[in-house]
Amino acid sequence: MGLVLLVVGLVLFIGPHVFATMRKQRDALVERIGRIPYQGLFALLAIPGIVLIAYGYDLYRYDEWTPVWDPPSWTHHLTALLNLPAFIFIAATYSPGNIKRVLKHPTLVGIKLWAVAHLISNGDLGSIILFGSILAWAVYDRISLKRRTDLGGPAIPVGGWRKDLLAVIVGTLVYLALGFLFHPYVIGVSAFGG
């Protein structure tokens, strides 16, 4: 049951994100129902999707654990190491400096790095489905961004090293909070070994 809920949650979460990349269809729906109702519908699907992903994955881990391969123990350290830049990249989206200028879409780069990092150290079926799906969506979204013609709005001003420093500080703080608090107490697995 947990794996089913996980997959349903992924469909509910990723589905609206994929639909948002289909600009003609999305724009037609926004035209028909309005921007605020569209955003509400998006949230009405995506937020329960996140809840189902978390609940389904938790049930799966305790009742349906299905090993596919056995990652070596050192991969957990690599996962922890790769997650630091992933969170810095995500923070750089909101503090646009040189990191954003170079990466263009730092949130997607951060999500892809986060997903790959977790795939490296998790060899069970549920983790492969969860992190593989998120990785596939982020790759798809990045490819769709290259093909979109509606991105010509006003450019977001990009700052310099001060914005990058802020991204590094905020990303590191989020990384530490998730690693020391969220991961062990919510996920039930230490992010930093032990």
C-alpha atoms as a PDB file:
ATOM      1  CA  MET A   1       0.000   0.000   0.000  1.00  0.00           C
ATOM      2  CA  GLY A   2       2.870   2.379   0.789  1.00  0.00           C
ATOM      3  CA  LEU A   3       4.394   2.032  -2.669  1.00  0.00           C
ATOM      4  CA  VAL A   4       1.002   2.703  -4.280  1.00  0.00           C
ATOM      5  CA  LEU A   5       0.531   5.867  -2.184  1.00  0.00           C
ATOM      6  CA  LEU A   6       4.072   6.961  -3.042  1.00  0.00           C
ATOM      7  CA  VAL A   7       3.388   6.613  -6.775  1.00  0.00           C
ATOM      8  CA  VAL A   8       0.003   8.373  -6.500  1.00  0.00           C
ATOM      9  CA  GLY A   9       1.712  11.186  -4.593  1.00  0.00           C
ATOM     10  CA  LEU A  10       4.404  11.490  -7.254  1.00  0.00           C
ATOM     11  CA  VAL A  11       1.743  11.682  -9.982  1.00  0.00           C
ATOM     12  CA  LEU A  12      -0.161  14.377  -8.056  1.00  0.00           C
ATOM     13  CA  PHE A  13       3.019  16.375  -7.407  1.00  0.00           C
ATOM     14  CA  ILE A  14       4.827  15.985 -10.718  1.00  0.00           C
ATOM     15  CA  GLY A  15       1.692  16.071 -12.904  1.00  0.00           C
ATOM     16  CA  PRO A  16       0.868  19.762 -12.321  1.00  0.00           C
ATOM     17  CA  HIS A  17       4.539  20.670 -12.739  1.00  0.00           C
ATOM     18  CA  VAL A  18       4.658  18.903 -16.107  1.00  0.00           C
ATOM     19  CA  PHE A  19       1.339  20.490 -17.140  1.00  0.00           C
ATOM     20  CA  ALA A  20       2.805  23.924 -16.334  1.00  0.00           C
ATOM     21  CA  THR A  21       5.479  23.317 -18.989  1.00  0.00           C
ATOM     22  CA  MET A  22       2.784  22.765 -21.634  1.00  0.00           C
ATOM     23  CA  ARG A  23       2.336  26.477 -22.175  1.00  0.00           C
ATOM     24  CA  LYS A  24      -0.525  26.397 -24.704  1.00  0.00           C
ATOM     25  CA  GLN A  25      -2.656  24.120 -22.570  1.00  0.00           C
ATOM     26  CA  ARG A  26      -1.725  25.912 -19.343  1.00  0.00           C
ATOM     27  CA  ASP A  27      -2.462  29.342 -20.831  1.00  0.00           C
ATOM     28  CA  ALA A  28      -5.816  28.106 -22.171  1.00  0.00           C
ATOM     29  CA  LEU A  29      -6.766  26.804 -18.715  1.00  0.00           C
ATOM     30  CA  VAL A  30      -5.660  30.057 -17.043  1.00  0.00           C
ATOM     31  CA  GLU A  31      -7.711  31.998 -19.626  1.00  0.00           C
ATOM     32  CA  ARG A  32     -10.753  29.827 -18.925  1.00  0.00           C
ATOM     33  CA  ILE A  33     -10.690  29.733 -15.105  1.00  0.00           C
ATOM     34  CA  GLY A  34      -8.371  32.618 -14.122  1.00  0.00           C
ATOM     35  CA  ARG A  35      -4.847  32.791 -12.666  1.00  0.00           C
ATOM     36  CA  ILE A  36      -5.802  32.496  -8.961  1.00  0.00           C
ATOM     37  CA  PRO A  37      -8.117  29.476  -9.450  1.00  0.00           C
ATOM     38  CA  TYR A  38      -5.390  27.874 -11.601  1.00  0.00           C
ATOM     39  CA  GLN A  39      -2.823  28.385  -8.832  1.00  0.00           C
ATOM     40  CA  GLY A  40      -5.328  27.013  -6.313  1.00  0.00           C
ATOM     41  CA  LEU A  41      -5.915  23.929  -8.464  1.00  0.00           C
ATOM     42  CA  PHE A  42      -2.150  23.491  -8.835  1.00  0.00           C
ATOM     43  CA  ALA A  43      -1.725  23.618  -5.035  1.00  0.00           C
ATOM     44  CA  LEU A  44      -4.785  21.397  -4.503  1.00  0.00           C
ATOM     45  CA  LEU A  45      -2.973  18.648  -6.418  1.00  0.00           C
ATOM     46  CA  ALA A  46       0.682  19.292  -5.539  1.00  0.00           C
ATOM     47  CA  ILE A  47       0.347  19.721  -1.752  1.00  0.00           C
ATOM     48  CA  PRO A  48      -1.589  16.460  -1.164  1.00  0.00           C
ATOM     49  CA  GLY A  49       0.961  14.897  -3.531  1.00  0.00           C
ATOM     50  CA  ILE A  50       3.775  15.852  -1.158  1.00  0.00           C
ATOM     51  CA  VAL A  51       1.810  14.477   1.795  1.00  0.00           C
ATOM     52  CA  LEU A  52       1.126  11.187  -0.020  1.00  0.00           C
ATOM     53  CA  ILE A  53       4.774  10.911  -1.080  1.00  0.00           C
ATOM     54  CA  ALA A  54       5.913  11.294   2.527  1.00  0.00           C
ATOM     55  CA  TYR A  55       3.226   9.018   3.990  1.00  0.00           C
ATOM     56  CA  GLY A  56       3.572   6.383   1.260  1.00  0.00           C
ATOM     57  CA  TYR A  57       7.357   6.328   1.530  1.00  0.00           C
ATOM     58  CA  ASP A  58       7.125   5.990   5.304  1.00  0.00           C
ATOM     59  CA  LEU A  59       4.694   3.052   5.017  1.00  0.00           C
ATOM     60  CA  TYR A  60       6.851   1.482   2.325  1.00  0.00           C
ATOM     61  CA  ARG A  61      10.011   1.719   4.458  1.00  0.00           C
ATOM     62  CA  TYR A  62       8.404  -0.148   7.348  1.00  0.00           C
ATOM     63  CA  ASP A  63       6.173  -2.660   5.556  1.00  0.00           C
ATOM     64  CA  GLU A  64       7.322  -3.203   1.969  1.00  0.00           C
ATOM     65  CA  TRP A  65      11.071  -2.550   1.887  1.00  0.00           C
ATOM     66  CA  THR A  66      12.369  -4.071  -1.358  1.00  0.00           C
ATOM     67  CA  PRO A  67      16.160  -4.073  -1.812  1.00  0.00           C
ATOM     68  CA  VAL A  68      17.384  -3.873  -5.405  1.00  0.00           C
ATOM     69  CA  TRP A  69      21.098  -3.351  -4.801  1.00  0.00           C
ATOM     70  CA  ASP A  70      23.277  -2.834  -1.742  1.00  0.00           C
ATOM     71  CA  PRO A  71      25.149   0.485  -1.910  1.00  0.00           C
ATOM     72  CA  PRO A  72      28.536   0.543  -0.169  1.00  0.00           C
ATOM     73  CA  SER A  73      28.579   2.442   3.142  1.00  0.00           C
ATOM     74  CA  TRP A  74      30.835   5.199   1.751  1.00  0.00           C
ATOM     75  CA  THR A  75      28.036   6.291  -0.587  1.00  0.00           C
ATOM     76  CA  HIS A  76      26.213   7.809   2.408  1.00  0.00           C
ATOM     77  CA  HIS A  77      29.142  10.203   2.892  1.00  0.00           C
ATOM     78  CA  LEU A  78      29.071  11.081  -0.808  1.00  0.00           C
ATOM     79  CA  THR A  79      25.335  11.773  -0.581  1.00  0.00           C
ATOM     80  CA  ALA A  80      25.886  14.097   2.385  1.00  0.00           C
ATOM     81  CA  LEU A  81      28.691  15.864   0.516  1.00  0.00           C
ATOM     82  CA  LEU A  82      26.681  16.343  -2.708  1.00  0.00           C
ATOM     83  CA  ASN A  83      23.679  17.730  -0.855  1.00  0.00           C
ATOM     84  CA  LEU A  84      25.584  20.792   0.367  1.00  0.00           C
ATOM     85  CA  PRO A  85      26.018  22.333  -3.105  1.00  0.00           C
ATOM     86  CA  ALA A  86      22.494  21.184  -4.008  1.00  0.00           C
ATOM     87  CA  PHE A  87      21.020  23.388  -1.266  1.00  0.00           C
ATOM     88  CA  ILE A  88      23.383  26.257  -2.081  1.00  0.00           C
ATOM     89  CA  PHE A  89      22.228  26.107  -5.724  1.00  0.00           C
ATOM     90  CA  ILE A  90      18.571  26.168  -4.662  1.00  0.00           C
ATOM     91  CA  ALA A  91      19.252  29.157  -2.380  1.00  0.00           C
ATOM     92  CA  ALA A  92      20.997  30.906  -5.298  1.00  0.00           C
ATOM     93  CA  THR A  93      17.647  31.068  -7.097  1.00  0.00           C
ATOM     94  CA  TYR A  94      16.432  33.481  -4.415  1.00  0.00           C
ATOM     95  CA  SER A  95      19.733  35.330  -4.064  1.00  0.00           C
ATOM     96  CA  PRO A  96      20.690  35.704  -7.726  1.00  0.00           C
ATOM     97  CA  GLY A  97      24.413  36.247  -8.171  1.00  0.00           C
ATOM     98  CA  ASN A  98      27.105  34.610 -10.262  1.00  0.00           C
ATOM     99  CA  ILE A  99      25.907  31.115  -9.314  1.00  0.00           C
ATOM    100  CA  LYS A 100      22.537  31.857 -10.918  1.00  0.00           C
ATOM    101  CA  ARG A 101      24.182  33.543 -13.904  1.00  0.00           C
ATOM    102  CA  VAL A 102      26.325  30.465 -14.569  1.00  0.00           C
ATOM    103  CA  LEU A 103      23.729  27.772 -13.831  1.00  0.00           C
ATOM    104  CA  LYS A 104      20.742  29.710 -15.320  1.00  0.00           C
ATOM    105  CA  HIS A 105      18.237  27.520 -13.423  1.00  0.00           C
ATOM    106  CA  PRO A 106      19.958  26.732 -10.117  1.00  0.00           C
ATOM    107  CA  THR A 107      16.856  25.234  -8.478  1.00  0.00           C
ATOM    108  CA  LEU A 108      16.658  22.542 -11.151  1.00  0.00           C
ATOM    109  CA  VAL A 109      20.410  21.913 -10.902  1.00  0.00           C
ATOM    110  CA  GLY A 110      20.060  21.615  -7.123  1.00  0.00           C
ATOM    111  CA  ILE A 111      17.081  19.251  -7.390  1.00  0.00           C
ATOM    112  CA  LYS A 112      18.909  17.056  -9.901  1.00  0.00           C
ATOM    113  CA  LEU A 113      22.008  16.936  -7.693  1.00  0.00           C
ATOM    114  CA  TRP A 114      19.852  16.147  -4.617  1.00  0.00           C
ATOM    115  CA  ALA A 115      18.081  13.319  -6.460  1.00  0.00           C
ATOM    116  CA  VAL A 116      21.301  11.829  -7.879  1.00  0.00           C
ATOM    117  CA  ALA A 117      22.935  12.038  -4.439  1.00  0.00           C
ATOM    118  CA  HIS A 118      20.065  10.076  -2.897  1.00  0.00           C
ATOM    119  CA  LEU A 119      20.040   7.515  -5.719  1.00  0.00           C
ATOM    120  CA  ILE A 120      23.731   6.842  -5.054  1.00  0.00           C
ATOM    121  CA  SER A 121      23.176   5.724  -1.470  1.00  0.00           C
ATOM    122  CA  ASN A 122      19.680   4.198  -1.620  1.00  0.00           C
ATOM    123  CA  GLY A 123      19.376   0.897  -3.430  1.00  0.00           C
ATOM    124  CA  ASP A 124      15.785  -0.002  -2.612  1.00  0.00           C
ATOM    125  CA  LEU A 125      12.829   0.055  -4.999  1.00  0.00           C
ATOM    126  CA  GLY A 126      10.900   2.849  -3.258  1.00  0.00           C
ATOM    127  CA  SER A 127      13.920   5.153  -3.192  1.00  0.00           C
ATOM    128  CA  ILE A 128      14.681   4.435  -6.839  1.00  0.00           C
ATOM    129  CA  ILE A 129      11.071   5.291  -7.747  1.00  0.00           C
ATOM    130  CA  LEU A 130      11.023   8.418  -5.553  1.00  0.00           C
ATOM    131  CA  PHE A 131      14.387   9.948  -6.391  1.00  0.00           C
ATOM    132  CA  GLY A 132      14.395   8.654  -9.968  1.00  0.00           C
ATOM    133  CA  SER A 133      10.998  10.277 -10.626  1.00  0.00           C
ATOM    134  CA  ILE A 134      12.097  13.617  -9.174  1.00  0.00           C
ATOM    135  CA  LEU A 135      15.308  13.444 -11.234  1.00  0.00           C
ATOM    136  CA  ALA A 136      13.380  12.612 -14.412  1.00  0.00           C
ATOM    137  CA  TRP A 137      10.991  15.521 -13.819  1.00  0.00           C
ATOM    138  CA  ALA A 138      13.865  17.975 -13.214  1.00  0.00           C
ATOM    139  CA  VAL A 139      15.649  16.833 -16.388  1.00  0.00           C
ATOM    140  CA  TYR A 140      12.399  17.118 -18.363  1.00  0.00           C
ATOM    141  CA  ASP A 141      11.701  20.584 -16.933  1.00  0.00           C
ATOM    142  CA  ARG A 142      15.208  21.808 -17.834  1.00  0.00           C
ATOM    143  CA  ILE A 143      14.831  20.523 -21.390  1.00  0.00           C
ATOM    144  CA  SER A 144      11.408  22.183 -21.667  1.00  0.00           C
ATOM    145  CA  LEU A 145      12.900  25.496 -20.491  1.00  0.00           C
ATOM    146  CA  LYS A 146      15.340  25.410 -23.411  1.00  0.00           C
ATOM    147  CA  ARG A 147      12.422  25.048 -25.835  1.00  0.00           C
ATOM    148  CA  ARG A 148      10.027  27.613 -24.366  1.00  0.00           C
ATOM    149  CA  THR A 149       9.429  30.833 -26.227  1.00  0.00           C
ATOM    150  CA  ASP A 150       7.498  32.595 -23.438  1.00  0.00           C
ATOM    151  CA  LEU A 151      10.457  33.316 -21.170  1.00  0.00           C
ATOM    152  CA  GLY A 152      11.219  36.739 -22.624  1.00  0.00           C
ATOM    153  CA  GLY A 153       9.923  38.771 -19.651  1.00  0.00           C
ATOM    154  CA  PRO A 154      12.038  41.259 -17.753  1.00  0.00           C
ATOM    155  CA  ALA A 155      15.415  39.892 -16.742  1.00  0.00           C
ATOM    156  CA  ILE A 156      15.961  39.253 -13.048  1.00  0.00           C
ATOM    157  CA  PRO A 157      18.826  41.465 -11.901  1.00  0.00           C
ATOM    158  CA  VAL A 158      21.851  39.359 -11.069  1.00  0.00           C
ATOM    159  CA  GLY A 159      24.152  40.562  -8.330  1.00  0.00           C
ATOM    160  CA  GLY A 160      27.733  39.622  -7.651  1.00  0.00           C
ATOM    161  CA  TRP A 161      29.660  37.794  -4.980  1.00  0.00           C
ATOM    162  CA  ARG A 162      27.586  39.235  -2.094  1.00  0.00           C
ATOM    163  CA  LYS A 163      24.484  37.506  -3.450  1.00  0.00           C
ATOM    164  CA  ASP A 164      26.526  34.313  -3.853  1.00  0.00           C
ATOM    165  CA  LEU A 165      27.779  34.597  -0.274  1.00  0.00           C
ATOM    166  CA  LEU A 166      24.200  34.953   0.956  1.00  0.00           C
ATOM    167  CA  ALA A 167      23.213  31.869  -1.088  1.00  0.00           C
ATOM    168  CA  VAL A 168      26.122  29.909   0.434  1.00  0.00           C
ATOM    169  CA  ILE A 169      25.167  30.954   3.983  1.00  0.00           C
ATOM    170  CA  VAL A 170      21.435  30.275   3.587  1.00  0.00           C
ATOM    171  CA  GLY A 171      22.006  27.039   1.632  1.00  0.00           C
ATOM    172  CA  THR A 172      24.454  25.796   4.269  1.00  0.00           C
ATOM    173  CA  LEU A 173      22.070  26.645   7.130  1.00  0.00           C
ATOM    174  CA  VAL A 174      19.186  24.822   5.413  1.00  0.00           C
ATOM    175  CA  TYR A 175      21.507  21.878   4.675  1.00  0.00           C
ATOM    176  CA  LEU A 176      22.566  21.656   8.335  1.00  0.00           C
ATOM    177  CA  ALA A 177      18.993  22.039   9.629  1.00  0.00           C
ATOM    178  CA  LEU A 178      17.727  19.306   7.309  1.00  0.00           C
ATOM    179  CA  GLY A 179      20.697  17.065   8.049  1.00  0.00           C
ATOM    180  CA  PHE A 180      20.712  17.404  11.834  1.00  0.00           C
ATOM    181  CA  LEU A 181      17.007  17.900  12.544  1.00  0.00           C
ATOM    182  CA  PHE A 182      14.698  16.868   9.707  1.00  0.00           C
ATOM    183  CA  HIS A 183      16.505  13.787   8.431  1.00  0.00           C
ATOM    184  CA  PRO A 184      17.014  11.936  11.746  1.00  0.00           C
ATOM    185  CA  TYR A 185      13.754  12.955  13.417  1.00  0.00           C
ATOM    186  CA  VAL A 186      11.344  12.879  10.475  1.00  0.00           C
ATOM    187  CA  ILE A 187      12.953  10.411   8.055  1.00  0.00           C
ATOM    188  CA  GLY A 188      14.458   8.320  10.854  1.00  0.00           C
ATOM    189  CA  VAL A 189      17.874   8.024   9.244  1.00  0.00           C
ATOM    190  CA  SER A 190      20.955  10.028  10.167  1.00  0.00           C
ATOM    191  CA  ALA A 191      22.128  12.190   7.268  1.00  0.00           C
ATOM    192  CA  PHE A 192      25.676  12.391   8.574  1.00  0.00           C
ATOM    193  CA  GLY A 193      26.390   8.767   9.473  1.00  0.00           C
ATOM    194  CA  GLY A 194      26.141   7.130  12.844  1.00  0.00           C
END
